[in-house]
Amino acid sequence: MVALMGEEFFVPHASPQSQTERLCREFIASGKKICTFDSAINAHLLKSGFKPINTDNFHDYIHHVTGKKELTGMALSPLCPPPDQ
């Protein structure tokens, strides 16, 4: 599984008690950093130890993770919740 090789991940949203949320909690327990949008829809994730990313610093976060200054060629999933809900 590719996720086992990484140390830091961005998960825009995971439904409460979903398999994605359970997997991410396991990763957090093993010391991996999982980030998500800082929004009310993700409150359950933030309480679980996900690190908040807001829209103001999202570009900085992408630059930190990828080393790229531009988001050219990158797209967010259409399943991504609006970050300010």
C-alpha atoms as a PDB file:
ATOM      1  CA  MET A   1       0.000   0.000   0.000  1.00  0.00           C
ATOM      2  CA  VAL A   2       1.436   3.355  -1.079  1.00  0.00           C
ATOM      3  CA  ALA A   3       0.157   5.126   2.040  1.00  0.00           C
ATOM      4  CA  LEU A   4       2.492   3.079   4.218  1.00  0.00           C
ATOM      5  CA  MET A   5       5.501   4.754   2.564  1.00  0.00           C
ATOM      6  CA  GLY A   6       4.387   8.338   3.171  1.00  0.00           C
ATOM      7  CA  GLU A   7       4.767  10.392   6.326  1.00  0.00           C
ATOM      8  CA  GLU A   8       2.282  13.190   5.625  1.00  0.00           C
ATOM      9  CA  PHE A   9      -1.078  13.132   3.847  1.00  0.00           C
ATOM     10  CA  PHE A  10      -3.891  15.494   2.925  1.00  0.00           C
ATOM     11  CA  VAL A  11      -7.432  14.129   3.202  1.00  0.00           C
ATOM     12  CA  PRO A  12      -9.995  16.790   2.210  1.00  0.00           C
ATOM     13  CA  HIS A  13     -12.819  14.955   3.988  1.00  0.00           C
ATOM     14  CA  ALA A  14     -13.758  11.575   5.424  1.00  0.00           C
ATOM     15  CA  SER A  15     -17.269  10.760   6.575  1.00  0.00           C
ATOM     16  CA  PRO A  16     -17.710   9.969  10.266  1.00  0.00           C
ATOM     17  CA  GLN A  17     -16.980   6.325  11.050  1.00  0.00           C
ATOM     18  CA  SER A  18     -15.963   5.635   7.430  1.00  0.00           C
ATOM     19  CA  GLN A  19     -13.189   3.272   6.412  1.00  0.00           C
ATOM     20  CA  THR A  20     -11.140   6.295   5.343  1.00  0.00           C
ATOM     21  CA  GLU A  21     -11.464   7.874   8.779  1.00  0.00           C
ATOM     22  CA  ARG A  22     -10.525   4.593  10.513  1.00  0.00           C
ATOM     23  CA  LEU A  23      -7.486   4.117   8.269  1.00  0.00           C
ATOM     24  CA  CYS A  24      -6.334   7.695   8.863  1.00  0.00           C
ATOM     25  CA  ARG A  25      -6.710   7.260  12.637  1.00  0.00           C
ATOM     26  CA  GLU A  26      -4.453   4.201  12.402  1.00  0.00           C
ATOM     27  CA  PHE A  27      -1.892   6.261  10.478  1.00  0.00           C
ATOM     28  CA  ILE A  28      -2.044   9.044  13.089  1.00  0.00           C
ATOM     29  CA  ALA A  29      -1.551   6.467  15.861  1.00  0.00           C
ATOM     30  CA  SER A  30       1.558   5.226  14.036  1.00  0.00           C
ATOM     31  CA  GLY A  31       2.999   8.760  13.924  1.00  0.00           C
ATOM     32  CA  LYS A  32       1.982   9.903  10.451  1.00  0.00           C
ATOM     33  CA  LYS A  33       0.676  13.431   9.911  1.00  0.00           C
ATOM     34  CA  ILE A  34      -2.773  13.716   8.318  1.00  0.00           C
ATOM     35  CA  CYS A  35      -4.072  17.149   7.324  1.00  0.00           C
ATOM     36  CA  THR A  36      -7.587  18.186   6.391  1.00  0.00           C
ATOM     37  CA  PHE A  37      -9.512  21.376   5.728  1.00  0.00           C
ATOM     38  CA  ASP A  38     -10.231  23.339   8.886  1.00  0.00           C
ATOM     39  CA  SER A  39     -14.013  23.415   8.625  1.00  0.00           C
ATOM     40  CA  ALA A  40     -17.076  22.450  10.656  1.00  0.00           C
ATOM     41  CA  ILE A  41     -17.731  19.502   8.329  1.00  0.00           C
ATOM     42  CA  ASN A  42     -14.375  18.055   9.414  1.00  0.00           C
ATOM     43  CA  ALA A  43     -14.737  18.718  13.160  1.00  0.00           C
ATOM     44  CA  HIS A  44     -14.757  14.970  13.898  1.00  0.00           C
ATOM     45  CA  LEU A  45     -11.458  14.585  12.031  1.00  0.00           C
ATOM     46  CA  LEU A  46      -9.795  17.510  13.769  1.00  0.00           C
ATOM     47  CA  LYS A  47     -10.825  16.078  17.161  1.00  0.00           C
ATOM     48  CA  SER A  48      -9.184  12.800  16.088  1.00  0.00           C
ATOM     49  CA  GLY A  49      -5.791  14.422  15.573  1.00  0.00           C
ATOM     50  CA  PHE A  50      -5.935  15.581  11.956  1.00  0.00           C
ATOM     51  CA  LYS A  51      -3.971  18.802  11.453  1.00  0.00           C
ATOM     52  CA  PRO A  52      -6.029  21.782  10.197  1.00  0.00           C
ATOM     53  CA  ILE A  53      -5.297  23.437   6.866  1.00  0.00           C
ATOM     54  CA  ASN A  54      -7.262  26.561   6.013  1.00  0.00           C
ATOM     55  CA  THR A  55      -7.798  28.135   2.631  1.00  0.00           C
ATOM     56  CA  ASP A  56      -5.402  30.966   3.488  1.00  0.00           C
ATOM     57  CA  ASN A  57      -2.439  28.608   3.886  1.00  0.00           C
ATOM     58  CA  PHE A  58      -3.421  25.818   1.477  1.00  0.00           C
ATOM     59  CA  HIS A  59      -0.998  27.012  -1.228  1.00  0.00           C
ATOM     60  CA  ASP A  60       1.788  27.172   1.359  1.00  0.00           C
ATOM     61  CA  TYR A  61       0.941  23.630   2.458  1.00  0.00           C
ATOM     62  CA  ILE A  62       1.034  22.318  -1.135  1.00  0.00           C
ATOM     63  CA  HIS A  63       4.363  24.078  -1.674  1.00  0.00           C
ATOM     64  CA  HIS A  64       5.727  22.519   1.533  1.00  0.00           C
ATOM     65  CA  VAL A  65       4.626  19.013   0.546  1.00  0.00           C
ATOM     66  CA  THR A  66       5.437  19.076  -3.181  1.00  0.00           C
ATOM     67  CA  GLY A  67       8.134  21.710  -3.478  1.00  0.00           C
ATOM     68  CA  LYS A  68       6.048  23.340  -6.233  1.00  0.00           C
ATOM     69  CA  LYS A  69       5.065  26.992  -6.020  1.00  0.00           C
ATOM     70  CA  GLU A  70       2.161  26.672  -8.461  1.00  0.00           C
ATOM     71  CA  LEU A  71      -0.837  24.364  -8.492  1.00  0.00           C
ATOM     72  CA  THR A  72      -0.642  24.062 -12.290  1.00  0.00           C
ATOM     73  CA  GLY A  73      -1.738  20.609 -13.350  1.00  0.00           C
ATOM     74  CA  MET A  74      -3.076  19.759  -9.898  1.00  0.00           C
ATOM     75  CA  ALA A  75      -6.775  19.492  -9.165  1.00  0.00           C
ATOM     76  CA  LEU A  76      -8.794  18.958  -6.047  1.00  0.00           C
ATOM     77  CA  SER A  77     -11.247  16.133  -6.013  1.00  0.00           C
ATOM     78  CA  PRO A  78     -14.802  17.176  -6.895  1.00  0.00           C
ATOM     79  CA  LEU A  79     -15.789  15.304  -3.736  1.00  0.00           C
ATOM     80  CA  CYS A  80     -13.901  17.833  -1.662  1.00  0.00           C
ATOM     81  CA  PRO A  81     -16.279  19.693   0.672  1.00  0.00           C
ATOM     82  CA  PRO A  82     -16.221  23.471   0.534  1.00  0.00           C
ATOM     83  CA  PRO A  83     -13.579  24.458   3.116  1.00  0.00           C
ATOM     84  CA  ASP A  84     -15.669  27.122   4.855  1.00  0.00           C
ATOM     85  CA  GLN A  85     -18.754  25.116   5.848  1.00  0.00           C
END
